[in-house]
């Protein structure tokens, strides 16, 4: 079973966290960043499995707003996932009370996949160029087969990998692919 497998009813959030924690551990990931949805529950559940869950400082509206110029300027590329494109295209901009912009999905819709991608990509965009040194444990093997043993540490620097490549690696990890 992989992290990309669909979860059907009856849906158990605890089972999902348990499975995701197992996948994260297989890739030696000890910390994840997510949105504020669910309050303390995600932090507590991931903590039980030894994974640190940090909440993003940026709201999803901010992430969506910052993602648009990066997409239009070809600074980042999205993975070819139809669900993500559908969610991106369905986002709506509203002006909330006090004149503040809000970008969100329409009622009775979802934005979980594009939210994940937007938070991952915009977190990379805001970093200075020298931040793009990624330390990935055996990244080639890890992305091809989670059950394969991980080899020695490898580094991809900004001179070897563009921010777009780094963002794609991060988005793949975020999406559980």
Protein backbone atom coordinates (compact mmCIF):
# COMPACT_ATOMS: atom_id res chain seq x y z
CA UNK A 1 0.00 0.00 0.00
CA UNK A 2 1.38 3.43 -0.86
CA UNK A 3 0.65 6.96 0.28
CA UNK A 4 -1.03 7.63 -3.06
CA UNK A 5 -3.61 4.89 -2.52
CA UNK A 6 -7.13 6.25 -2.13
CA UNK A 7 -8.76 6.03 1.27
CA UNK A 8 -12.35 4.88 1.19
CA UNK A 9 -15.22 4.97 3.63
CA UNK A 10 -15.11 4.07 6.44
CA UNK A 11 -12.32 6.60 6.68
CA UNK A 12 -9.97 6.47 9.64
CA UNK A 13 -7.74 9.55 9.99
CA UNK A 14 -5.63 7.68 12.53
CA UNK A 15 -4.98 4.88 10.01
CA UNK A 16 -3.97 7.46 7.39
CA UNK A 17 -1.46 9.08 9.77
CA UNK A 18 -0.08 5.66 10.69
CA UNK A 19 0.43 4.77 7.04
CA UNK A 20 1.91 8.15 6.13
CA UNK A 21 4.27 7.94 9.13
CA UNK A 22 5.49 4.54 7.92
CA UNK A 23 6.15 5.96 4.42
CA UNK A 24 7.90 9.02 5.87
CA UNK A 25 10.12 6.81 8.01
CA UNK A 26 10.99 4.68 4.97
CA UNK A 27 12.33 7.88 3.38
CA UNK A 28 13.97 8.94 6.68
CA UNK A 29 11.78 12.03 6.90
CA UNK A 30 11.52 13.20 10.49
CA UNK A 31 9.70 16.50 10.02
CA UNK A 32 6.75 17.60 7.89
CA UNK A 33 5.09 20.96 7.38
CA UNK A 34 1.36 21.33 6.88
CA UNK A 35 -1.45 23.81 7.12
CA UNK A 36 -3.43 24.67 10.22
CA UNK A 37 -6.37 22.45 9.33
CA UNK A 38 -7.29 20.16 12.23
CA UNK A 39 -5.72 22.29 14.96
CA UNK A 40 -3.48 20.27 17.29
CA UNK A 41 -4.76 16.89 16.10
CA UNK A 42 -2.23 16.36 13.24
CA UNK A 43 0.68 17.45 15.44
CA UNK A 44 -0.31 15.08 18.21
CA UNK A 45 -0.94 12.13 15.90
CA UNK A 46 2.32 12.50 13.97
CA UNK A 47 4.20 13.02 17.24
CA UNK A 48 2.98 9.60 18.42
CA UNK A 49 4.86 8.12 15.44
CA UNK A 50 8.03 10.15 16.00
CA UNK A 51 7.37 12.65 13.19
CA UNK A 52 7.46 16.39 13.96
CA UNK A 53 4.52 18.23 12.35
CA UNK A 54 5.12 21.96 11.93
CA UNK A 55 2.40 24.33 10.84
CA UNK A 56 3.19 26.63 7.96
CA UNK A 57 3.51 30.30 8.77
CA UNK A 58 1.75 31.18 5.54
CA UNK A 59 -1.97 30.73 5.03
CA UNK A 60 -3.24 28.80 2.04
CA UNK A 61 -4.59 32.04 0.55
CA UNK A 62 -1.09 33.51 0.73
CA UNK A 63 0.39 30.35 -0.79
CA UNK A 64 -2.10 30.43 -3.68
CA UNK A 65 -1.47 34.15 -4.24
CA UNK A 66 2.32 33.65 -4.26
CA UNK A 67 2.12 30.56 -6.49
CA UNK A 68 0.41 32.35 -9.38
CA UNK A 69 3.34 34.58 -10.48
CA UNK A 70 5.74 31.66 -10.07
CA UNK A 71 3.58 29.50 -12.35
CA UNK A 72 3.05 32.27 -14.90
CA UNK A 73 6.77 33.11 -14.88
CA UNK A 74 7.79 29.46 -15.41
CA UNK A 75 9.77 29.50 -12.15
CA UNK A 76 8.04 26.30 -11.01
CA UNK A 77 6.31 23.39 -12.69
CA UNK A 78 3.43 21.37 -11.34
CA UNK A 79 3.38 17.62 -11.54
CA UNK A 80 0.95 16.22 -14.11
CA UNK A 81 -1.83 15.28 -11.68
CA UNK A 82 -5.30 16.00 -13.07
CA UNK A 83 -6.87 16.30 -9.60
CA UNK A 84 -4.36 19.02 -8.72
CA UNK A 85 -5.03 20.97 -11.94
CA UNK A 86 -8.80 20.70 -11.43
CA UNK A 87 -8.47 22.01 -7.88
CA UNK A 88 -6.21 24.85 -9.02
CA UNK A 89 -8.64 25.91 -11.74
CA UNK A 90 -11.59 25.86 -9.34
CA UNK A 91 -10.03 28.21 -6.78
CA UNK A 92 -11.99 31.41 -6.23
CA UNK A 93 -10.84 34.83 -5.05
CA UNK A 94 -13.15 36.60 -2.64
CA UNK A 95 -12.83 39.86 -0.80
CA UNK A 96 -13.50 39.26 2.87
CA UNK A 97 -14.63 41.76 5.47
CA UNK A 98 -12.17 44.58 5.84
CA UNK A 99 -11.06 44.26 2.20
CA UNK A 100 -8.69 41.33 2.73
CA UNK A 101 -8.37 38.88 -0.17
CA UNK A 102 -9.25 35.25 0.39
CA UNK A 103 -8.50 32.50 -2.11
CA UNK A 104 -10.24 29.21 -1.44
CA UNK A 105 -12.14 26.37 -3.03
CA UNK A 106 -15.86 26.75 -3.78
CA UNK A 107 -18.38 25.31 -1.31
CA UNK A 108 -18.56 21.49 -1.35
CA UNK A 109 -15.21 21.26 -3.17
CA UNK A 110 -11.70 20.30 -2.12
CA UNK A 111 -8.24 21.84 -2.41
CA UNK A 112 -6.08 19.37 -0.51
CA UNK A 113 -3.74 18.44 -3.38
CA UNK A 114 -3.15 21.96 -4.71
CA UNK A 115 -2.84 23.23 -1.14
CA UNK A 116 -0.01 20.77 -0.54
CA UNK A 117 1.77 21.72 -3.76
CA UNK A 118 1.30 25.46 -3.21
CA UNK A 119 2.69 25.34 0.33
CA UNK A 120 5.70 23.25 -0.75
CA UNK A 121 6.53 25.33 -3.82
CA UNK A 122 6.05 28.74 -2.20
CA UNK A 123 8.17 27.71 0.78
CA UNK A 124 11.03 27.12 -1.68
CA UNK A 125 10.39 30.32 -3.64
CA UNK A 126 10.71 32.56 -0.58
CA UNK A 127 14.17 31.22 0.32
CA UNK A 128 17.37 32.94 -0.83
CA UNK A 129 19.18 31.26 -3.71
CA UNK A 130 21.81 29.67 -1.47
CA UNK A 131 18.99 27.82 0.33
CA UNK A 132 18.52 25.56 -2.66
CA UNK A 133 21.07 23.11 -1.36
CA UNK A 134 18.93 20.08 -0.69
CA UNK A 135 20.24 17.30 1.45
CA UNK A 136 18.36 14.22 0.38
CA UNK A 137 19.22 10.77 1.64
CA UNK A 138 19.74 8.58 -1.43
CA UNK A 139 17.13 10.61 -3.32
CA UNK A 140 17.36 8.63 -6.57
CA UNK A 141 16.69 5.34 -4.86
CA UNK A 142 14.14 6.83 -2.50
CA UNK A 143 11.95 8.19 -5.27
CA UNK A 144 12.11 5.00 -7.28
CA UNK A 145 11.32 2.46 -4.57
CA UNK A 146 10.58 3.20 -0.91
CA UNK A 147 11.52 -0.35 0.11
CA UNK A 148 15.02 -0.08 -1.37
CA UNK A 149 17.89 0.58 1.01
CA UNK A 150 19.01 4.18 1.04
CA UNK A 151 22.59 4.87 0.03
CA UNK A 152 24.98 7.53 1.24
CA UNK A 153 23.97 11.17 1.53
CA UNK A 154 23.93 13.14 -1.70
CA UNK A 155 23.69 16.88 -2.13
CA UNK A 156 22.11 18.80 -4.95
CA UNK A 157 23.27 22.39 -4.96
CA UNK A 158 21.71 25.40 -6.66
CA UNK A 159 24.42 25.18 -9.32
CA UNK A 160 23.49 21.56 -10.11
CA UNK A 161 19.72 21.77 -9.70
CA UNK A 162 17.52 24.72 -10.47
CA UNK A 163 14.92 25.89 -7.94
CA UNK A 164 12.34 24.31 -10.24
CA UNK A 165 14.01 20.90 -9.87
CA UNK A 166 14.24 21.36 -6.13
CA UNK A 167 10.59 22.35 -6.01
CA UNK A 168 9.60 19.28 -8.05
CA UNK A 169 11.44 17.01 -5.62
CA UNK A 170 9.73 18.72 -2.70
CA UNK A 171 6.31 18.55 -4.39
CA UNK A 172 6.77 14.83 -5.06
CA UNK A 173 7.55 14.29 -1.40
CA UNK A 174 4.62 16.42 -0.32
CA UNK A 175 2.18 14.64 -2.61
CA UNK A 176 3.47 11.28 -1.42
CA UNK A 177 4.55 10.21 -4.88
